[in-house]
Amino acid sequence: IGVYMIVEAKKMTNGFFIPMVDELKKINKKHFLIKIEIVDYQADQLESKHKLGYLSKPVTSNEFSSWENEQVWGD
């Protein structure tokens, strides 16, 4: 889920453009906070699903051994 903010550029009398954040003032804060809660909940659900996947099918001892030579641990 992405949150998009609309920023308008309005021309000042001296020719410079400045960003106007009038649209940000119109954002319904409760709606925004609910969206954040939904994203947090979805992330928690995905983490739980990931954990359950590893619990139901644990990593075997040789599952990642073929990649050991490609790992750089830094000394």
PDB file of N, CA and C in Angstrom:
ATOM      1  N   ILE A   1       0.866  -1.171   0.000  1.00  0.00           N
ATOM      2  CA  ILE A   1       0.000   0.000   0.000  1.00  0.00           C
ATOM      3  C   ILE A   1       0.902   1.220   0.000  1.00  0.00           C
ATOM      4  N   GLY A   2       0.607   2.114  -0.885  1.00  0.00           N
ATOM      5  CA  GLY A   2       1.403   3.325  -0.951  1.00  0.00           C
ATOM      6  C   GLY A   2       0.583   4.522  -0.531  1.00  0.00           C
ATOM      7  N   VAL A   3       1.247   5.472   0.027  1.00  0.00           N
ATOM      8  CA  VAL A   3       0.601   6.728   0.391  1.00  0.00           C
ATOM      9  C   VAL A   3       1.150   7.781  -0.543  1.00  0.00           C
ATOM     10  N   TYR A   4       0.259   8.400  -1.266  1.00  0.00           N
ATOM     11  CA  TYR A   4       0.681   9.390  -2.252  1.00  0.00           C
ATOM     12  C   TYR A   4       0.302  10.778  -1.772  1.00  0.00           C
ATOM     13  N   MET A   5       1.238  11.665  -1.867  1.00  0.00           N
ATOM     14  CA  MET A   5       0.975  13.042  -1.474  1.00  0.00           C
ATOM     15  C   MET A   5       1.053  13.926  -2.703  1.00  0.00           C
ATOM     16  N   ILE A   6       0.086  14.779  -2.830  1.00  0.00           N
ATOM     17  CA  ILE A   6       0.048  15.687  -3.971  1.00  0.00           C
ATOM     18  C   ILE A   6       0.634  17.011  -3.533  1.00  0.00           C
ATOM     19  N   VAL A   7       1.638  17.428  -4.237  1.00  0.00           N
ATOM     20  CA  VAL A   7       2.251  18.717  -3.946  1.00  0.00           C
ATOM     21  C   VAL A   7       2.087  19.577  -5.178  1.00  0.00           C
ATOM     22  N   GLU A   8       1.466  20.701  -4.998  1.00  0.00           N
ATOM     23  CA  GLU A   8       1.258  21.611  -6.116  1.00  0.00           C
ATOM     24  C   GLU A   8       2.390  22.623  -6.157  1.00  0.00           C
ATOM     25  N   ALA A   9       2.732  23.016  -7.335  1.00  0.00           N
ATOM     26  CA  ALA A   9       3.720  24.087  -7.487  1.00  0.00           C
ATOM     27  C   ALA A   9       2.981  25.314  -7.986  1.00  0.00           C
ATOM     28  N   LYS A  10       3.119  26.355  -7.265  1.00  0.00           N
ATOM     29  CA  LYS A  10       2.456  27.592  -7.667  1.00  0.00           C
ATOM     30  C   LYS A  10       3.524  28.647  -7.905  1.00  0.00           C
ATOM     31  N   LYS A  11       3.291  29.438  -8.886  1.00  0.00           N
ATOM     32  CA  LYS A  11       4.274  30.436  -9.265  1.00  0.00           C
ATOM     33  C   LYS A  11       4.096  31.695  -8.428  1.00  0.00           C
ATOM     34  N   MET A  12       5.190  32.118  -7.875  1.00  0.00           N
ATOM     35  CA  MET A  12       5.166  33.366  -7.112  1.00  0.00           C
ATOM     36  C   MET A  12       5.319  34.533  -8.085  1.00  0.00           C
ATOM     37  N   THR A  13       5.091  35.714  -7.588  1.00  0.00           N
ATOM     38  CA  THR A  13       5.158  36.900  -8.454  1.00  0.00           C
ATOM     39  C   THR A  13       6.562  37.161  -8.969  1.00  0.00           C
ATOM     40  N   ASN A  14       7.588  36.701  -8.239  1.00  0.00           N
ATOM     41  CA  ASN A  14       8.951  36.950  -8.688  1.00  0.00           C
ATOM     42  C   ASN A  14       9.481  35.876  -9.638  1.00  0.00           C
ATOM     43  N   GLY A  15       8.653  34.929 -10.017  1.00  0.00           N
ATOM     44  CA  GLY A  15       9.052  33.937 -11.006  1.00  0.00           C
ATOM     45  C   GLY A  15       9.535  32.618 -10.433  1.00  0.00           C
ATOM     46  N   PHE A  16       9.738  32.518  -9.126  1.00  0.00           N
ATOM     47  CA  PHE A  16      10.199  31.268  -8.532  1.00  0.00           C
ATOM     48  C   PHE A  16       9.011  30.364  -8.238  1.00  0.00           C
ATOM     49  N   PHE A  17       9.247  29.054  -8.320  1.00  0.00           N
ATOM     50  CA  PHE A  17       8.214  28.084  -7.984  1.00  0.00           C
ATOM     51  C   PHE A  17       8.454  27.590  -6.565  1.00  0.00           C
ATOM     52  N   ILE A  18       7.410  27.502  -5.799  1.00  0.00           N
ATOM     53  CA  ILE A  18       7.532  26.946  -4.452  1.00  0.00           C
ATOM     54  C   ILE A  18       6.503  25.834  -4.297  1.00  0.00           C
ATOM     55  N   PRO A  19       6.866  24.789  -3.591  1.00  0.00           N
ATOM     56  CA  PRO A  19       5.888  23.710  -3.379  1.00  0.00           C
ATOM     57  C   PRO A  19       4.830  24.143  -2.375  1.00  0.00           C
ATOM     58  N   MET A  20       3.610  23.842  -2.686  1.00  0.00           N
ATOM     59  CA  MET A  20       2.511  24.159  -1.780  1.00  0.00           C
ATOM     60  C   MET A  20       1.974  22.841  -1.229  1.00  0.00           C
ATOM     61  N   VAL A  21       1.789  22.783   0.036  1.00  0.00           N
ATOM     62  CA  VAL A  21       1.330  21.552   0.660  1.00  0.00           C
ATOM     63  C   VAL A  21      -0.117  21.658   1.141  1.00  0.00           C
ATOM     64  N   ASP A  22      -0.897  22.416   0.411  1.00  0.00           N
ATOM     65  CA  ASP A  22      -2.306  22.577   0.765  1.00  0.00           C
ATOM     66  C   ASP A  22      -3.035  21.239   0.812  1.00  0.00           C
ATOM     67  N   GLU A  23      -2.689  20.349  -0.108  1.00  0.00           N
ATOM     68  CA  GLU A  23      -3.366  19.050  -0.154  1.00  0.00           C
ATOM     69  C   GLU A  23      -3.087  18.240   1.103  1.00  0.00           C
ATOM     70  N   LEU A  24      -1.904  18.406   1.688  1.00  0.00           N
ATOM     71  CA  LEU A  24      -1.572  17.648   2.887  1.00  0.00           C
ATOM     72  C   LEU A  24      -2.467  18.032   4.056  1.00  0.00           C
ATOM     73  N   LYS A  25      -2.923  19.256   4.076  1.00  0.00           N
ATOM     74  CA  LYS A  25      -3.796  19.713   5.152  1.00  0.00           C
ATOM     75  C   LYS A  25      -5.172  19.068   5.056  1.00  0.00           C
ATOM     76  N   LYS A  26      -5.527  18.576   3.878  1.00  0.00           N
ATOM     77  CA  LYS A  26      -6.853  17.996   3.655  1.00  0.00           C
ATOM     78  C   LYS A  26      -6.904  16.503   3.978  1.00  0.00           C
ATOM     79  N   ILE A  27      -5.750  15.905   4.241  1.00  0.00           N
ATOM     80  CA  ILE A  27      -5.715  14.467   4.495  1.00  0.00           C
ATOM     81  C   ILE A  27      -6.463  14.161   5.790  1.00  0.00           C
ATOM     82  N   ASN A  28      -7.322  13.187   5.717  1.00  0.00           N
ATOM     83  CA  ASN A  28      -8.050  12.731   6.892  1.00  0.00           C
ATOM     84  C   ASN A  28      -7.083  11.915   7.745  1.00  0.00           C
ATOM     85  N   LYS A  29      -6.700  12.454   8.889  1.00  0.00           N
ATOM     86  CA  LYS A  29      -5.681  11.817   9.723  1.00  0.00           C
ATOM     87  C   LYS A  29      -6.111  10.438  10.215  1.00  0.00           C
ATOM     88  N   LYS A  30      -7.385  10.268  10.539  1.00  0.00           N
ATOM     89  CA  LYS A  30      -7.853   8.958  10.991  1.00  0.00           C
ATOM     90  C   LYS A  30      -7.714   7.931   9.879  1.00  0.00           C
ATOM     91  N   HIS A  31      -8.075   8.309   8.671  1.00  0.00           N
ATOM     92  CA  HIS A  31      -7.953   7.414   7.524  1.00  0.00           C
ATOM     93  C   HIS A  31      -6.493   7.028   7.318  1.00  0.00           C
ATOM     94  N   PHE A  32      -5.600   7.998   7.423  1.00  0.00           N
ATOM     95  CA  PHE A  32      -4.169   7.757   7.258  1.00  0.00           C
ATOM     96  C   PHE A  32      -3.662   6.791   8.328  1.00  0.00           C
ATOM     97  N   LEU A  33      -4.062   7.001   9.589  1.00  0.00           N
ATOM     98  CA  LEU A  33      -3.623   6.132  10.678  1.00  0.00           C
ATOM     99  C   LEU A  33      -4.179   4.722  10.525  1.00  0.00           C
ATOM    100  N   ILE A  34      -5.403   4.610  10.037  1.00  0.00           N
ATOM    101  CA  ILE A  34      -5.981   3.285   9.795  1.00  0.00           C
ATOM    102  C   ILE A  34      -5.181   2.554   8.727  1.00  0.00           C
ATOM    103  N   LYS A  35      -4.770   3.259   7.670  1.00  0.00           N
ATOM    104  CA  LYS A  35      -3.964   2.619   6.629  1.00  0.00           C
ATOM    105  C   LYS A  35      -2.635   2.124   7.194  1.00  0.00           C
ATOM    106  N   ILE A  36      -2.030   2.911   8.090  1.00  0.00           N
ATOM    107  CA  ILE A  36      -0.779   2.487   8.715  1.00  0.00           C
ATOM    108  C   ILE A  36      -1.009   1.225   9.542  1.00  0.00           C
ATOM    109  N   GLU A  37      -2.104   1.181  10.290  1.00  0.00           N
ATOM    110  CA  GLU A  37      -2.425  -0.001  11.091  1.00  0.00           C
ATOM    111  C   GLU A  37      -2.635  -1.224  10.201  1.00  0.00           C
ATOM    112  N   ILE A  38      -3.287  -1.038   9.069  1.00  0.00           N
ATOM    113  CA  ILE A  38      -3.518  -2.153   8.141  1.00  0.00           C
ATOM    114  C   ILE A  38      -2.190  -2.685   7.621  1.00  0.00           C
ATOM    115  N   VAL A  39      -1.287  -1.798   7.250  1.00  0.00           N
ATOM    116  CA  VAL A  39       0.023  -2.222   6.747  1.00  0.00           C
ATOM    117  C   VAL A  39       0.787  -2.962   7.841  1.00  0.00           C
ATOM    118  N   ASP A  40       0.749  -2.464   9.077  1.00  0.00           N
ATOM    119  CA  ASP A  40       1.416  -3.142  10.187  1.00  0.00           C
ATOM    120  C   ASP A  40       0.830  -4.535  10.401  1.00  0.00           C
ATOM    121  N   TYR A  41      -0.496  -4.637  10.346  1.00  0.00           N
ATOM    122  CA  TYR A  41      -1.162  -5.927  10.526  1.00  0.00           C
ATOM    123  C   TYR A  41      -0.755  -6.899   9.419  1.00  0.00           C
ATOM    124  N   GLN A  42      -0.730  -6.416   8.180  1.00  0.00           N
ATOM    125  CA  GLN A  42      -0.354  -7.278   7.063  1.00  0.00           C
ATOM    126  C   GLN A  42       1.090  -7.751   7.201  1.00  0.00           C
ATOM    127  N   ALA A  43       1.980  -6.874   7.657  1.00  0.00           N
ATOM    128  CA  ALA A  43       3.379  -7.261   7.863  1.00  0.00           C
ATOM    129  C   ALA A  43       3.476  -8.326   8.953  1.00  0.00           C
ATOM    130  N   ASP A  44       2.721  -8.156  10.035  1.00  0.00           N
ATOM    131  CA  ASP A  44       2.708  -9.157  11.103  1.00  0.00           C
ATOM    132  C   ASP A  44       2.202 -10.502  10.590  1.00  0.00           C
ATOM    133  N   GLN A  45       1.171 -10.475   9.759  1.00  0.00           N
ATOM    134  CA  GLN A  45       0.625 -11.712   9.207  1.00  0.00           C
ATOM    135  C   GLN A  45       1.647 -12.422   8.320  1.00  0.00           C
ATOM    136  N   LEU A  46       2.358 -11.657   7.497  1.00  0.00           N
ATOM    137  CA  LEU A  46       3.380 -12.254   6.631  1.00  0.00           C
ATOM    138  C   LEU A  46       4.532 -12.838   7.449  1.00  0.00           C
ATOM    139  N   GLU A  47       4.934 -12.150   8.518  1.00  0.00           N
ATOM    140  CA  GLU A  47       5.994 -12.670   9.379  1.00  0.00           C
ATOM    141  C   GLU A  47       5.556 -13.964  10.060  1.00  0.00           C
ATOM    142  N   SER A  48       4.309 -14.020  10.499  1.00  0.00           N
ATOM    143  CA  SER A  48       3.781 -15.240  11.120  1.00  0.00           C
ATOM    144  C   SER A  48       3.750 -16.387  10.120  1.00  0.00           C
ATOM    145  N   LYS A  49       3.324 -16.094   8.908  1.00  0.00           N
ATOM    146  CA  LYS A  49       3.272 -17.113   7.854  1.00  0.00           C
ATOM    147  C   LYS A  49       4.677 -17.629   7.549  1.00  0.00           C
ATOM    148  N   HIS A  50       5.647 -16.727   7.504  1.00  0.00           N
ATOM    149  CA  HIS A  50       7.036 -17.094   7.249  1.00  0.00           C
ATOM    150  C   HIS A  50       7.545 -18.010   8.363  1.00  0.00           C
ATOM    151  N   LYS A  51       7.272 -17.628   9.605  1.00  0.00           N
ATOM    152  CA  LYS A  51       7.710 -18.425  10.751  1.00  0.00           C
ATOM    153  C   LYS A  51       7.078 -19.813  10.729  1.00  0.00           C
ATOM    154  N   LEU A  52       5.775 -19.878  10.463  1.00  0.00           N
ATOM    155  CA  LEU A  52       5.088 -21.174  10.408  1.00  0.00           C
ATOM    156  C   LEU A  52       5.642 -22.054   9.294  1.00  0.00           C
ATOM    157  N   GLY A  53       6.027 -21.424   8.187  1.00  0.00           N
ATOM    158  CA  GLY A  53       6.619 -22.184   7.090  1.00  0.00           C
ATOM    159  C   GLY A  53       7.915 -22.860   7.501  1.00  0.00           C
ATOM    160  N   TYR A  54       8.769 -22.134   8.225  1.00  0.00           N
ATOM    161  CA  TYR A  54      10.024 -22.726   8.685  1.00  0.00           C
ATOM    162  C   TYR A  54       9.793 -23.752   9.789  1.00  0.00           C
ATOM    163  N   LEU A  55       8.748 -23.560  10.602  1.00  0.00           N
ATOM    164  CA  LEU A  55       8.450 -24.553  11.630  1.00  0.00           C
ATOM    165  C   LEU A  55       7.916 -25.841  11.019  1.00  0.00           C
ATOM    166  N   SER A  56       7.116 -25.727   9.964  1.00  0.00           N
ATOM    167  CA  SER A  56       6.553 -26.925   9.340  1.00  0.00           C
ATOM    168  C   SER A  56       7.551 -27.618   8.418  1.00  0.00           C
ATOM    169  N   LYS A  57       8.472 -26.859   7.846  1.00  0.00           N
ATOM    170  CA  LYS A  57       9.501 -27.429   6.967  1.00  0.00           C
ATOM    171  C   LYS A  57      10.848 -26.814   7.346  1.00  0.00           C
ATOM    172  N   PRO A  58      11.473 -27.344   8.413  1.00  0.00           N
ATOM    173  CA  PRO A  58      12.733 -26.759   8.879  1.00  0.00           C
ATOM    174  C   PRO A  58      13.847 -26.885   7.835  1.00  0.00           C
ATOM    175  N   VAL A  59      14.820 -26.015   7.971  1.00  0.00           N
ATOM    176  CA  VAL A  59      15.979 -26.032   7.081  1.00  0.00           C
ATOM    177  C   VAL A  59      16.770 -27.299   7.360  1.00  0.00           C
ATOM    178  N   THR A  60      17.185 -27.985   6.309  1.00  0.00           N
ATOM    179  CA  THR A  60      18.011 -29.180   6.474  1.00  0.00           C
ATOM    180  C   THR A  60      19.477 -28.772   6.567  1.00  0.00           C
ATOM    181  N   SER A  61      20.300 -29.695   7.056  1.00  0.00           N
ATOM    182  CA  SER A  61      21.709 -29.371   7.284  1.00  0.00           C
ATOM    183  C   SER A  61      22.459 -29.054   5.998  1.00  0.00           C
ATOM    184  N   ASN A  62      22.050 -29.609   4.880  1.00  0.00           N
ATOM    185  CA  ASN A  62      22.775 -29.367   3.624  1.00  0.00           C
ATOM    186  C   ASN A  62      22.037 -28.412   2.676  1.00  0.00           C
ATOM    187  N   GLU A  63      20.974 -27.791   3.153  1.00  0.00           N
ATOM    188  CA  GLU A  63      20.159 -26.949   2.280  1.00  0.00           C
ATOM    189  C   GLU A  63      20.916 -25.736   1.754  1.00  0.00           C
ATOM    190  N   PHE A  64      21.737 -25.135   2.580  1.00  0.00           N
ATOM    191  CA  PHE A  64      22.460 -23.941   2.159  1.00  0.00           C
ATOM    192  C   PHE A  64      23.960 -24.171   2.034  1.00  0.00           C
ATOM    193  N   SER A  65      24.407 -25.406   2.212  1.00  0.00           N
ATOM    194  CA  SER A  65      25.844 -25.676   2.186  1.00  0.00           C
ATOM    195  C   SER A  65      26.464 -25.394   0.823  1.00  0.00           C
ATOM    196  N   SER A  66      25.699 -25.522  -0.245  1.00  0.00           N
ATOM    197  CA  SER A  66      26.258 -25.262  -1.574  1.00  0.00           C
ATOM    198  C   SER A  66      26.563 -23.783  -1.781  1.00  0.00           C
ATOM    199  N   TRP A  67      26.015 -22.923  -0.942  1.00  0.00           N
ATOM    200  CA  TRP A  67      26.238 -21.478  -1.061  1.00  0.00           C
ATOM    201  C   TRP A  67      27.373 -20.981  -0.158  1.00  0.00           C
ATOM    202  N   GLU A  68      27.919 -21.840   0.690  1.00  0.00           N
ATOM    203  CA  GLU A  68      28.919 -21.395   1.657  1.00  0.00           C
ATOM    204  C   GLU A  68      30.140 -20.766   1.004  1.00  0.00           C
ATOM    205  N   ASN A  69      30.574 -21.296  -0.130  1.00  0.00           N
ATOM    206  CA  ASN A  69      31.759 -20.750  -0.797  1.00  0.00           C
ATOM    207  C   ASN A  69      31.519 -19.348  -1.337  1.00  0.00           C
ATOM    208  N   GLU A  70      30.268 -18.980  -1.541  1.00  0.00           N
ATOM    209  CA  GLU A  70      29.952 -17.663  -2.092  1.00  0.00           C
ATOM    210  C   GLU A  70      29.705 -16.612  -1.008  1.00  0.00           C
ATOM    211  N   GLN A  71      29.692 -17.032   0.244  1.00  0.00           N
ATOM    212  CA  GLN A  71      29.440 -16.096   1.340  1.00  0.00           C
ATOM    213  C   GLN A  71      30.709 -15.337   1.703  1.00  0.00           C
ATOM    214  N   VAL A  72      30.571 -14.057   1.939  1.00  0.00           N
ATOM    215  CA  VAL A  72      31.688 -13.227   2.382  1.00  0.00           C
ATOM    216  C   VAL A  72      31.343 -12.733   3.780  1.00  0.00           C
ATOM    217  N   TRP A  73      32.086 -13.196   4.761  1.00  0.00           N
ATOM    218  CA  TRP A  73      31.776 -12.855   6.143  1.00  0.00           C
ATOM    219  C   TRP A  73      32.589 -11.673   6.644  1.00  0.00           C
ATOM    220  N   GLY A  74      33.687 -11.359   6.017  1.00  0.00           N
ATOM    221  CA  GLY A  74      34.533 -10.251   6.470  1.00  0.00           C
ATOM    222  C   GLY A  74      35.200 -10.590   7.791  1.00  0.00           C
ATOM    223  N   ASP A  75      36.474 -10.404   7.837  1.00  0.00           N
ATOM    224  CA  ASP A  75      37.212 -10.754   9.062  1.00  0.00           C
ATOM    225  C   ASP A  75      37.544  -9.578   9.893  1.00  0.00           C
TER     226      ASP A  75
END
